[in-house]
Amino acid sequence: MVRISIHSRFIALTAALGLALTAGVRAQSADPAWLDRLSEQLAVEKECQVEYFLAVKEGQLAGRPTFEARAQCTDGRQFDGALTEPAKEFNLSECGTRIC
């Protein structure tokens, strides 16, 4: 009988949820490549290998498309990325620990 630890189950569930959220957003997006561009920019500028995305949002600001997402890196760091077209690069900011 194979036993799977609670930690392994949590990781698998988290990864599946991240993929489901990302897949849903990609299907709705007029520009599905923006998450790929954000991943590439994070890899180059922050040495972050994106594991999954959280809080993915697309919208409009003064008639211009906007894109926002929080990326979870494989090393545990998180970054917020935001872009308002016609900009080509995302504004990136590292998420720190928040205490309420």
PDB file of N, CA and C in Angstrom:
ATOM      1  N   MET A   1       0.846  -1.172   0.000  1.00  0.00           N
ATOM      2  CA  MET A   1       0.000   0.000   0.000  1.00  0.00           C
ATOM      3  C   MET A   1       0.895   1.240   0.000  1.00  0.00           C
ATOM      4  N   VAL A   2       0.650   2.137  -0.928  1.00  0.00           N
ATOM      5  CA  VAL A   2       1.424   3.370  -1.037  1.00  0.00           C
ATOM      6  C   VAL A   2       0.786   4.423  -0.143  1.00  0.00           C
ATOM      7  N   ARG A   3       1.599   5.059   0.698  1.00  0.00           N
ATOM      8  CA  ARG A   3       1.093   6.112   1.585  1.00  0.00           C
ATOM      9  C   ARG A   3       1.604   7.455   1.078  1.00  0.00           C
ATOM     10  N   ILE A   4       0.712   8.397   0.970  1.00  0.00           N
ATOM     11  CA  ILE A   4       1.070   9.739   0.523  1.00  0.00           C
ATOM     12  C   ILE A   4       0.922  10.662   1.723  1.00  0.00           C
ATOM     13  N   SER A   5       1.973  11.404   2.003  1.00  0.00           N
ATOM     14  CA  SER A   5       1.940  12.295   3.163  1.00  0.00           C
ATOM     15  C   SER A   5       0.974  13.452   2.931  1.00  0.00           C
ATOM     16  N   ILE A   6       0.547  14.062   4.024  1.00  0.00           N
ATOM     17  CA  ILE A   6      -0.340  15.221   3.937  1.00  0.00           C
ATOM     18  C   ILE A   6       0.355  16.345   3.180  1.00  0.00           C
ATOM     19  N   HIS A   7       1.661  16.510   3.426  1.00  0.00           N
ATOM     20  CA  HIS A   7       2.432  17.554   2.737  1.00  0.00           C
ATOM     21  C   HIS A   7       2.400  17.329   1.224  1.00  0.00           C
ATOM     22  N   SER A   8       2.607  16.098   0.789  1.00  0.00           N
ATOM     23  CA  SER A   8       2.580  15.787  -0.646  1.00  0.00           C
ATOM     24  C   SER A   8       1.207  16.039  -1.244  1.00  0.00           C
ATOM     25  N   ARG A   9       0.165  15.706  -0.495  1.00  0.00           N
ATOM     26  CA  ARG A   9      -1.195  15.951  -0.977  1.00  0.00           C
ATOM     27  C   ARG A   9      -1.453  17.449  -1.121  1.00  0.00           C
ATOM     28  N   PHE A  10      -0.996  18.221  -0.121  1.00  0.00           N
ATOM     29  CA  PHE A  10      -1.178  19.672  -0.165  1.00  0.00           C
ATOM     30  C   PHE A  10      -0.474  20.264  -1.379  1.00  0.00           C
ATOM     31  N   ILE A  11       0.760  19.838  -1.636  1.00  0.00           N
ATOM     32  CA  ILE A  11       1.517  20.347  -2.779  1.00  0.00           C
ATOM     33  C   ILE A  11       0.795  20.000  -4.079  1.00  0.00           C
ATOM     34  N   ALA A  12       0.340  18.780  -4.196  1.00  0.00           N
ATOM     35  CA  ALA A  12      -0.359  18.360  -5.414  1.00  0.00           C
ATOM     36  C   ALA A  12      -1.652  19.144  -5.607  1.00  0.00           C
ATOM     37  N   LEU A  13      -2.401  19.340  -4.518  1.00  0.00           N
ATOM     38  CA  LEU A  13      -3.650  20.093  -4.600  1.00  0.00           C
ATOM     39  C   LEU A  13      -3.389  21.544  -4.967  1.00  0.00           C
ATOM     40  N   THR A  14      -2.370  22.145  -4.351  1.00  0.00           N
ATOM     41  CA  THR A  14      -2.022  23.535  -4.648  1.00  0.00           C
ATOM     42  C   THR A  14      -1.611  23.691  -6.112  1.00  0.00           C
ATOM     43  N   ALA A  15      -0.805  22.780  -6.603  1.00  0.00           N
ATOM     44  CA  ALA A  15      -0.368  22.842  -8.003  1.00  0.00           C
ATOM     45  C   ALA A  15      -1.566  22.689  -8.951  1.00  0.00           C
ATOM     46  N   ALA A  16      -2.451  21.752  -8.645  1.00  0.00           N
ATOM     47  CA  ALA A  16      -3.629  21.546  -9.498  1.00  0.00           C
ATOM     48  C   ALA A  16      -4.527  22.773  -9.487  1.00  0.00           C
ATOM     49  N   LEU A  17      -4.711  23.376  -8.320  1.00  0.00           N
ATOM     50  CA  LEU A  17      -5.528  24.577  -8.231  1.00  0.00           C
ATOM     51  C   LEU A  17      -4.899  25.718  -9.024  1.00  0.00           C
ATOM     52  N   GLY A  18      -3.590  25.878  -8.903  1.00  0.00           N
ATOM     53  CA  GLY A  18      -2.901  26.922  -9.662  1.00  0.00           C
ATOM     54  C   GLY A  18      -3.051  26.727 -11.157  1.00  0.00           C
ATOM     55  N   LEU A  19      -2.922  25.491 -11.615  1.00  0.00           N
ATOM     56  CA  LEU A  19      -3.095  25.211 -13.042  1.00  0.00           C
ATOM     57  C   LEU A  19      -4.531  25.474 -13.478  1.00  0.00           C
ATOM     58  N   ALA A  20      -5.488  25.114 -12.649  1.00  0.00           N
ATOM     59  CA  ALA A  20      -6.888  25.344 -13.001  1.00  0.00           C
ATOM     60  C   ALA A  20      -7.182  26.832 -13.086  1.00  0.00           C
ATOM     61  N   LEU A  21      -6.680  27.599 -12.135  1.00  0.00           N
ATOM     62  CA  LEU A  21      -6.904  29.043 -12.163  1.00  0.00           C
ATOM     63  C   LEU A  21      -6.244  29.669 -13.378  1.00  0.00           C
ATOM     64  N   THR A  22      -5.011  29.273 -13.649  1.00  0.00           N
ATOM     65  CA  THR A  22      -4.293  29.815 -14.797  1.00  0.00           C
ATOM     66  C   THR A  22      -4.987  29.429 -16.101  1.00  0.00           C
ATOM     67  N   ALA A  23      -5.427  28.185 -16.217  1.00  0.00           N
ATOM     68  CA  ALA A  23      -6.086  27.737 -17.441  1.00  0.00           C
ATOM     69  C   ALA A  23      -7.377  28.513 -17.660  1.00  0.00           C
ATOM     70  N   GLY A  24      -8.131  28.758 -16.601  1.00  0.00           N
ATOM     71  CA  GLY A  24      -9.372  29.513 -16.732  1.00  0.00           C
ATOM     72  C   GLY A  24      -9.128  30.926 -17.190  1.00  0.00           C
ATOM     73  N   VAL A  25      -8.100  31.561 -16.663  1.00  0.00           N
ATOM     74  CA  VAL A  25      -7.788  32.932 -17.053  1.00  0.00           C
ATOM     75  C   VAL A  25      -7.314  32.972 -18.489  1.00  0.00           C
ATOM     76  N   ARG A  26      -6.479  32.035 -18.868  1.00  0.00           N
ATOM     77  CA  ARG A  26      -5.958  32.026 -20.231  1.00  0.00           C
ATOM     78  C   ARG A  26      -7.083  31.867 -21.244  1.00  0.00           C
ATOM     79  N   ALA A  27      -8.074  31.082 -20.900  1.00  0.00           N
ATOM     80  CA  ALA A  27      -9.164  30.862 -21.840  1.00  0.00           C
ATOM     81  C   ALA A  27      -9.999  32.129 -22.024  1.00  0.00           C
ATOM     82  N   GLN A  28     -10.064  32.992 -21.012  1.00  0.00           N
ATOM     83  CA  GLN A  28     -10.889  34.183 -21.084  1.00  0.00           C
ATOM     84  C   GLN A  28     -10.143  35.372 -21.681  1.00  0.00           C
ATOM     85  N   SER A  29      -8.835  35.344 -21.687  1.00  0.00           N
ATOM     86  CA  SER A  29      -8.031  36.496 -22.051  1.00  0.00           C
ATOM     87  C   SER A  29      -8.047  36.764 -23.548  1.00  0.00           C
ATOM     88  N   ALA A  30      -8.080  38.062 -23.892  1.00  0.00           N
ATOM     89  CA  ALA A  30      -7.930  38.456 -25.290  1.00  0.00           C
ATOM     90  C   ALA A  30      -6.464  38.316 -25.704  1.00  0.00           C
ATOM     91  N   ASP A  31      -5.557  38.335 -24.724  1.00  0.00           N
ATOM     92  CA  ASP A  31      -4.121  38.209 -24.968  1.00  0.00           C
ATOM     93  C   ASP A  31      -3.578  37.138 -24.028  1.00  0.00           C
ATOM     94  N   PRO A  32      -3.776  35.855 -24.382  1.00  0.00           N
ATOM     95  CA  PRO A  32      -3.401  34.779 -23.458  1.00  0.00           C
ATOM     96  C   PRO A  32      -1.908  34.671 -23.185  1.00  0.00           C
ATOM     97  N   ALA A  33      -1.090  35.323 -23.958  1.00  0.00           N
ATOM     98  CA  ALA A  33       0.362  35.215 -23.780  1.00  0.00           C
ATOM     99  C   ALA A  33       0.890  36.133 -22.678  1.00  0.00           C
ATOM    100  N   TRP A  34       0.055  36.972 -22.067  1.00  0.00           N
ATOM    101  CA  TRP A  34       0.580  37.925 -21.094  1.00  0.00           C
ATOM    102  C   TRP A  34       1.133  37.243 -19.851  1.00  0.00           C
ATOM    103  N   LEU A  35       0.554  36.124 -19.424  1.00  0.00           N
ATOM    104  CA  LEU A  35       1.113  35.408 -18.281  1.00  0.00           C
ATOM    105  C   LEU A  35       2.461  34.785 -18.631  1.00  0.00           C
ATOM    106  N   ASP A  36       2.614  34.347 -19.858  1.00  0.00           N
ATOM    107  CA  ASP A  36       3.908  33.836 -20.309  1.00  0.00           C
ATOM    108  C   ASP A  36       4.954  34.948 -20.314  1.00  0.00           C
ATOM    109  N   ARG A  37       4.559  36.141 -20.779  1.00  0.00           N
ATOM    110  CA  ARG A  37       5.492  37.275 -20.790  1.00  0.00           C
ATOM    111  C   ARG A  37       5.880  37.674 -19.369  1.00  0.00           C
ATOM    112  N   LEU A  38       4.916  37.640 -18.451  1.00  0.00           N
ATOM    113  CA  LEU A  38       5.211  37.943 -17.054  1.00  0.00           C
ATOM    114  C   LEU A  38       6.172  36.906 -16.479  1.00  0.00           C
ATOM    115  N   SER A  39       5.947  35.640 -16.760  1.00  0.00           N
ATOM    116  CA  SER A  39       6.848  34.574 -16.293  1.00  0.00           C
ATOM    117  C   SER A  39       8.270  34.786 -16.812  1.00  0.00           C
ATOM    118  N   GLU A  40       8.397  35.119 -18.086  1.00  0.00           N
ATOM    119  CA  GLU A  40       9.716  35.342 -18.685  1.00  0.00           C
ATOM    120  C   GLU A  40      10.415  36.538 -18.051  1.00  0.00           C
ATOM    121  N   GLN A  41       9.687  37.624 -17.834  1.00  0.00           N
ATOM    122  CA  GLN A  41      10.278  38.815 -17.226  1.00  0.00           C
ATOM    123  C   GLN A  41      10.730  38.518 -15.795  1.00  0.00           C
ATOM    124  N   LEU A  42       9.926  37.774 -15.040  1.00  0.00           N
ATOM    125  CA  LEU A  42      10.314  37.416 -13.675  1.00  0.00           C
ATOM    126  C   LEU A  42      11.557  36.525 -13.669  1.00  0.00           C
ATOM    127  N   ALA A  43      11.652  35.615 -14.622  1.00  0.00           N
ATOM    128  CA  ALA A  43      12.821  34.741 -14.695  1.00  0.00           C
ATOM    129  C   ALA A  43      14.093  35.546 -14.950  1.00  0.00           C
ATOM    130  N   VAL A  44      14.020  36.499 -15.868  1.00  0.00           N
ATOM    131  CA  VAL A  44      15.188  37.297 -16.236  1.00  0.00           C
ATOM    132  C   VAL A  44      15.559  38.295 -15.145  1.00  0.00           C
ATOM    133  N   GLU A  45      14.572  39.055 -14.668  1.00  0.00           N
ATOM    134  CA  GLU A  45      14.865  40.158 -13.748  1.00  0.00           C
ATOM    135  C   GLU A  45      14.969  39.745 -12.284  1.00  0.00           C
ATOM    136  N   LYS A  46      14.230  38.725 -11.878  1.00  0.00           N
ATOM    137  CA  LYS A  46      14.164  38.361 -10.457  1.00  0.00           C
ATOM    138  C   LYS A  46      14.629  36.937 -10.163  1.00  0.00           C
ATOM    139  N   GLU A  47      15.055  36.215 -11.200  1.00  0.00           N
ATOM    140  CA  GLU A  47      15.469  34.818 -11.057  1.00  0.00           C
ATOM    141  C   GLU A  47      14.383  33.998 -10.354  1.00  0.00           C
ATOM    142  N   CYS A  48      13.165  34.218 -10.797  1.00  0.00           N
ATOM    143  CA  CYS A  48      11.982  33.551 -10.232  1.00  0.00           C
ATOM    144  C   CYS A  48      11.436  32.567 -11.257  1.00  0.00           C
ATOM    145  N   GLN A  49      11.387  31.301 -10.866  1.00  0.00           N
ATOM    146  CA  GLN A  49      10.716  30.308 -11.699  1.00  0.00           C
ATOM    147  C   GLN A  49       9.286  30.222 -11.178  1.00  0.00           C
ATOM    148  N   VAL A  50       8.330  30.673 -11.970  1.00  0.00           N
ATOM    149  CA  VAL A  50       6.936  30.740 -11.518  1.00  0.00           C
ATOM    150  C   VAL A  50       6.369  29.338 -11.368  1.00  0.00           C
ATOM    151  N   GLU A  51       5.806  29.109 -10.171  1.00  0.00           N
ATOM    152  CA  GLU A  51       5.141  27.833  -9.892  1.00  0.00           C
ATOM    153  C   GLU A  51       3.663  27.926 -10.247  1.00  0.00           C
ATOM    154  N   TYR A  52       3.039  29.054  -9.862  1.00  0.00           N
ATOM    155  CA  TYR A  52       1.642  29.292 -10.218  1.00  0.00           C
ATOM    156  C   TYR A  52       1.317  30.768  -9.998  1.00  0.00           C
ATOM    157  N   PHE A  53       0.144  31.187 -10.464  1.00  0.00           N
ATOM    158  CA  PHE A  53      -0.317  32.563 -10.322  1.00  0.00           C
ATOM    159  C   PHE A  53      -1.510  32.641  -9.382  1.00  0.00           C
ATOM    160  N   LEU A  54      -1.597  33.768  -8.673  1.00  0.00           N
ATOM    161  CA  LEU A  54      -2.727  34.077  -7.788  1.00  0.00           C
ATOM    162  C   LEU A  54      -3.276  35.432  -8.187  1.00  0.00           C
ATOM    163  N   ALA A  55      -4.508  35.710  -7.817  1.00  0.00           N
ATOM    164  CA  ALA A  55      -5.101  37.044  -7.990  1.00  0.00           C
ATOM    165  C   ALA A  55      -4.885  37.596  -9.399  1.00  0.00           C
ATOM    166  N   VAL A  56      -5.195  36.808 -10.389  1.00  0.00           N
ATOM    167  CA  VAL A  56      -5.038  37.215 -11.787  1.00  0.00           C
ATOM    168  C   VAL A  56      -6.219  38.102 -12.168  1.00  0.00           C
ATOM    169  N   LYS A  57      -5.910  39.288 -12.700  1.00  0.00           N
ATOM    170  CA  LYS A  57      -6.964  40.238 -13.064  1.00  0.00           C
ATOM    171  C   LYS A  57      -6.662  40.869 -14.419  1.00  0.00           C
ATOM    172  N   GLU A  58      -7.696  41.046 -15.189  1.00  0.00           N
ATOM    173  CA  GLU A  58      -7.634  41.798 -16.430  1.00  0.00           C
ATOM    174  C   GLU A  58      -8.710  42.866 -16.364  1.00  0.00           C
ATOM    175  N   GLY A  59      -8.415  44.041 -16.875  1.00  0.00           N
ATOM    176  CA  GLY A  59      -9.404  45.097 -16.820  1.00  0.00           C
ATOM    177  C   GLY A  59      -9.111  46.200 -17.810  1.00  0.00           C
ATOM    178  N   GLN A  60      -9.696  47.361 -17.545  1.00  0.00           N
ATOM    179  CA  GLN A  60      -9.529  48.542 -18.387  1.00  0.00           C
ATOM    180  C   GLN A  60      -9.259  49.737 -17.474  1.00  0.00           C
ATOM    181  N   LEU A  61      -8.386  50.614 -17.912  1.00  0.00           N
ATOM    182  CA  LEU A  61      -8.126  51.868 -17.221  1.00  0.00           C
ATOM    183  C   LEU A  61      -8.050  52.944 -18.295  1.00  0.00           C
ATOM    184  N   ALA A  62      -9.002  53.847 -18.296  1.00  0.00           N
ATOM    185  CA  ALA A  62      -9.085  54.905 -19.306  1.00  0.00           C
ATOM    186  C   ALA A  62      -9.057  54.313 -20.718  1.00  0.00           C
ATOM    187  N   GLY A  63      -9.761  53.192 -20.881  1.00  0.00           N
ATOM    188  CA  GLY A  63      -9.860  52.559 -22.190  1.00  0.00           C
ATOM    189  C   GLY A  63      -8.649  51.734 -22.596  1.00  0.00           C
ATOM    190  N   ARG A  64      -7.676  51.597 -21.699  1.00  0.00           N
ATOM    191  CA  ARG A  64      -6.478  50.801 -22.011  1.00  0.00           C
ATOM    192  C   ARG A  64      -6.506  49.494 -21.235  1.00  0.00           C
ATOM    193  N   PRO A  65      -6.157  48.380 -21.881  1.00  0.00           N
ATOM    194  CA  PRO A  65      -6.144  47.090 -21.189  1.00  0.00           C
ATOM    195  C   PRO A  65      -5.113  47.070 -20.058  1.00  0.00           C
ATOM    196  N   THR A  66      -5.513  46.460 -18.926  1.00  0.00           N
ATOM    197  CA  THR A  66      -4.614  46.292 -17.789  1.00  0.00           C
ATOM    198  C   THR A  66      -4.534  44.817 -17.431  1.00  0.00           C
ATOM    199  N   PHE A  67      -3.362  44.411 -16.935  1.00  0.00           N
ATOM    200  CA  PHE A  67      -3.114  43.026 -16.558  1.00  0.00           C
ATOM    201  C   PHE A  67      -2.371  43.025 -15.226  1.00  0.00           C
ATOM    202  N   GLU A  68      -2.861  42.236 -14.267  1.00  0.00           N
ATOM    203  CA  GLU A  68      -2.240  42.141 -12.949  1.00  0.00           C
ATOM    204  C   GLU A  68      -2.261  40.698 -12.489  1.00  0.00           C
ATOM    205  N   ALA A  69      -1.200  40.275 -11.815  1.00  0.00           N
ATOM    206  CA  ALA A  69      -1.168  38.931 -11.241  1.00  0.00           C
ATOM    207  C   ALA A  69      -0.103  38.872 -10.162  1.00  0.00           C
ATOM    208  N   ARG A  70      -0.313  37.993  -9.205  1.00  0.00           N
ATOM    209  CA  ARG A  70       0.707  37.675  -8.209  1.00  0.00           C
ATOM    210  C   ARG A  70       1.281  36.321  -8.599  1.00  0.00           C
ATOM    211  N   ALA A  71       2.590  36.247  -8.662  1.00  0.00           N
ATOM    212  CA  ALA A  71       3.273  35.013  -9.034  1.00  0.00           C
ATOM    213  C   ALA A  71       3.924  34.391  -7.812  1.00  0.00           C
ATOM    214  N   GLN A  72       3.751  33.102  -7.648  1.00  0.00           N
ATOM    215  CA  GLN A  72       4.418  32.332  -6.599  1.00  0.00           C
ATOM    216  C   GLN A  72       5.620  31.646  -7.239  1.00  0.00           C
ATOM    217  N   CYS A  73       6.817  31.959  -6.741  1.00  0.00           N
ATOM    218  CA  CYS A  73       8.043  31.341  -7.253  1.00  0.00           C
ATOM    219  C   CYS A  73       8.263  29.993  -6.572  1.00  0.00           C
ATOM    220  N   THR A  74       9.022  29.129  -7.220  1.00  0.00           N
ATOM    221  CA  THR A  74       9.306  27.823  -6.637  1.00  0.00           C
ATOM    222  C   THR A  74      10.123  27.933  -5.355  1.00  0.00           C
ATOM    223  N   ASP A  75      10.841  29.042  -5.153  1.00  0.00           N
ATOM    224  CA  ASP A  75      11.641  29.215  -3.933  1.00  0.00           C
ATOM    225  C   ASP A  75      10.861  29.879  -2.800  1.00  0.00           C
ATOM    226  N   GLY A  76       9.554  30.113  -2.995  1.00  0.00           N
ATOM    227  CA  GLY A  76       8.706  30.654  -1.942  1.00  0.00           C
ATOM    228  C   GLY A  76       8.440  32.151  -2.032  1.00  0.00           C
ATOM    229  N   ARG A  77       9.220  32.878  -2.823  1.00  0.00           N
ATOM    230  CA  ARG A  77       8.973  34.315  -2.958  1.00  0.00           C
ATOM    231  C   ARG A  77       7.717  34.544  -3.789  1.00  0.00           C
ATOM    232  N   GLN A  78       7.111  35.726  -3.600  1.00  0.00           N
ATOM    233  CA  GLN A  78       5.967  36.130  -4.405  1.00  0.00           C
ATOM    234  C   GLN A  78       6.220  37.526  -4.955  1.00  0.00           C
ATOM    235  N   PHE A  79       5.768  37.739  -6.184  1.00  0.00           N
ATOM    236  CA  PHE A  79       5.890  39.032  -6.841  1.00  0.00           C
ATOM    237  C   PHE A  79       4.552  39.434  -7.425  1.00  0.00           C
ATOM    238  N   ASP A  80       4.247  40.728  -7.338  1.00  0.00           N
ATOM    239  CA  ASP A  80       3.107  41.283  -8.046  1.00  0.00           C
ATOM    240  C   ASP A  80       3.620  41.873  -9.346  1.00  0.00           C
ATOM    241  N   GLY A  81       2.893  41.624 -10.424  1.00  0.00           N
ATOM    242  CA  GLY A  81       3.222  42.198 -11.718  1.00  0.00           C
ATOM    243  C   GLY A  81       2.009  42.934 -12.254  1.00  0.00           C
ATOM    244  N   ALA A  82       2.237  44.135 -12.782  1.00  0.00           N
ATOM    245  CA  ALA A  82       1.137  44.933 -13.333  1.00  0.00           C
ATOM    246  C   ALA A  82       1.598  45.604 -14.617  1.00  0.00           C
ATOM    247  N   LEU A  83       0.708  45.633 -15.595  1.00  0.00           N
ATOM    248  CA  LEU A  83       1.007  46.260 -16.883  1.00  0.00           C
ATOM    249  C   LEU A  83      -0.252  46.951 -17.382  1.00  0.00           C
ATOM    250  N   THR A  84      -0.086  48.172 -17.853  1.00  0.00           N
ATOM    251  CA  THR A  84      -1.155  48.894 -18.542  1.00  0.00           C
ATOM    252  C   THR A  84      -0.646  49.197 -19.937  1.00  0.00           C
ATOM    253  N   GLU A  85      -1.350  48.689 -20.947  1.00  0.00           N
ATOM    254  CA  GLU A  85      -0.916  48.944 -22.322  1.00  0.00           C
ATOM    255  C   GLU A  85      -0.983  50.430 -22.622  1.00  0.00           C
ATOM    256  N   PRO A  86      -0.079  50.969 -23.394  1.00  0.00           N
ATOM    257  CA  PRO A  86       0.813  50.338 -24.349  1.00  0.00           C
ATOM    258  C   PRO A  86       2.169  49.903 -23.789  1.00  0.00           C
ATOM    259  N   ALA A  87       2.391  49.958 -22.469  1.00  0.00           N
ATOM    260  CA  ALA A  87       3.660  49.508 -21.895  1.00  0.00           C
ATOM    261  C   ALA A  87       3.949  48.074 -22.339  1.00  0.00           C
ATOM    262  N   LYS A  88       5.206  47.754 -22.495  1.00  0.00           N
ATOM    263  CA  LYS A  88       5.611  46.413 -22.935  1.00  0.00           C
ATOM    264  C   LYS A  88       6.124  45.562 -21.789  1.00  0.00           C
ATOM    265  N   GLU A  89       6.577  46.206 -20.684  1.00  0.00           N
ATOM    266  CA  GLU A  89       7.116  45.463 -19.554  1.00  0.00           C
ATOM    267  C   GLU A  89       6.250  45.673 -18.328  1.00  0.00           C
ATOM    268  N   PHE A  90       6.214  44.665 -17.486  1.00  0.00           N
ATOM    269  CA  PHE A  90       5.450  44.715 -16.251  1.00  0.00           C
ATOM    270  C   PHE A  90       6.216  45.484 -15.183  1.00  0.00           C
ATOM    271  N   ASN A  91       5.475  46.204 -14.344  1.00  0.00           N
ATOM    272  CA  ASN A  91       6.042  46.753 -13.117  1.00  0.00           C
ATOM    273  C   ASN A  91       6.025  45.609 -12.112  1.00  0.00           C
ATOM    274  N   LEU A  92       7.175  45.288 -11.541  1.00  0.00           N
ATOM    275  CA  LEU A  92       7.293  44.170 -10.622  1.00  0.00           C
ATOM    276  C   LEU A  92       7.581  44.670  -9.220  1.00  0.00           C
ATOM    277  N   SER A  93       6.959  44.053  -8.234  1.00  0.00           N
ATOM    278  CA  SER A  93       7.270  44.359  -6.834  1.00  0.00           C
ATOM    279  C   SER A  93       7.191  43.073  -6.028  1.00  0.00           C
ATOM    280  N   GLU A  94       8.196  42.901  -5.176  1.00  0.00           N
ATOM    281  CA  GLU A  94       8.229  41.695  -4.337  1.00  0.00           C
ATOM    282  C   GLU A  94       7.258  41.863  -3.181  1.00  0.00           C
ATOM    283  N   CYS A  95       6.517  40.809  -2.890  1.00  0.00           N
ATOM    284  CA  CYS A  95       5.576  40.829  -1.776  1.00  0.00           C
ATOM    285  C   CYS A  95       6.336  40.467  -0.520  1.00  0.00           C
ATOM    286  N   GLY A  96       6.200  41.291   0.493  1.00  0.00           N
ATOM    287  CA  GLY A  96       6.847  41.013   1.765  1.00  0.00           C
ATOM    288  C   GLY A  96       5.870  40.342   2.718  1.00  0.00           C
ATOM    289  N   THR A  97       6.355  40.034   3.902  1.00  0.00           N
ATOM    290  CA  THR A  97       5.513  39.460   4.928  1.00  0.00           C
ATOM    291  C   THR A  97       4.590  40.538   5.468  1.00  0.00           C
ATOM    292  N   ARG A  98       3.322  40.245   5.561  1.00  0.00           N
ATOM    293  CA  ARG A  98       2.353  41.200   6.058  1.00  0.00           C
ATOM    294  C   ARG A  98       1.795  40.696   7.383  1.00  0.00           C
ATOM    295  N   ILE A  99       1.731  41.591   8.340  1.00  0.00           N
ATOM    296  CA  ILE A  99       1.172  41.259   9.640  1.00  0.00           C
ATOM    297  C   ILE A  99      -0.064  42.115   9.852  1.00  0.00           C
ATOM    298  N   CYS A 100      -1.192  41.500  10.159  1.00  0.00           N
ATOM    299  CA  CYS A 100      -2.442  42.243  10.362  1.00  0.00           C
ATOM    300  C   CYS A 100      -2.657  42.518  11.832  1.00  0.00           C
TER     301      CYS A 100
END
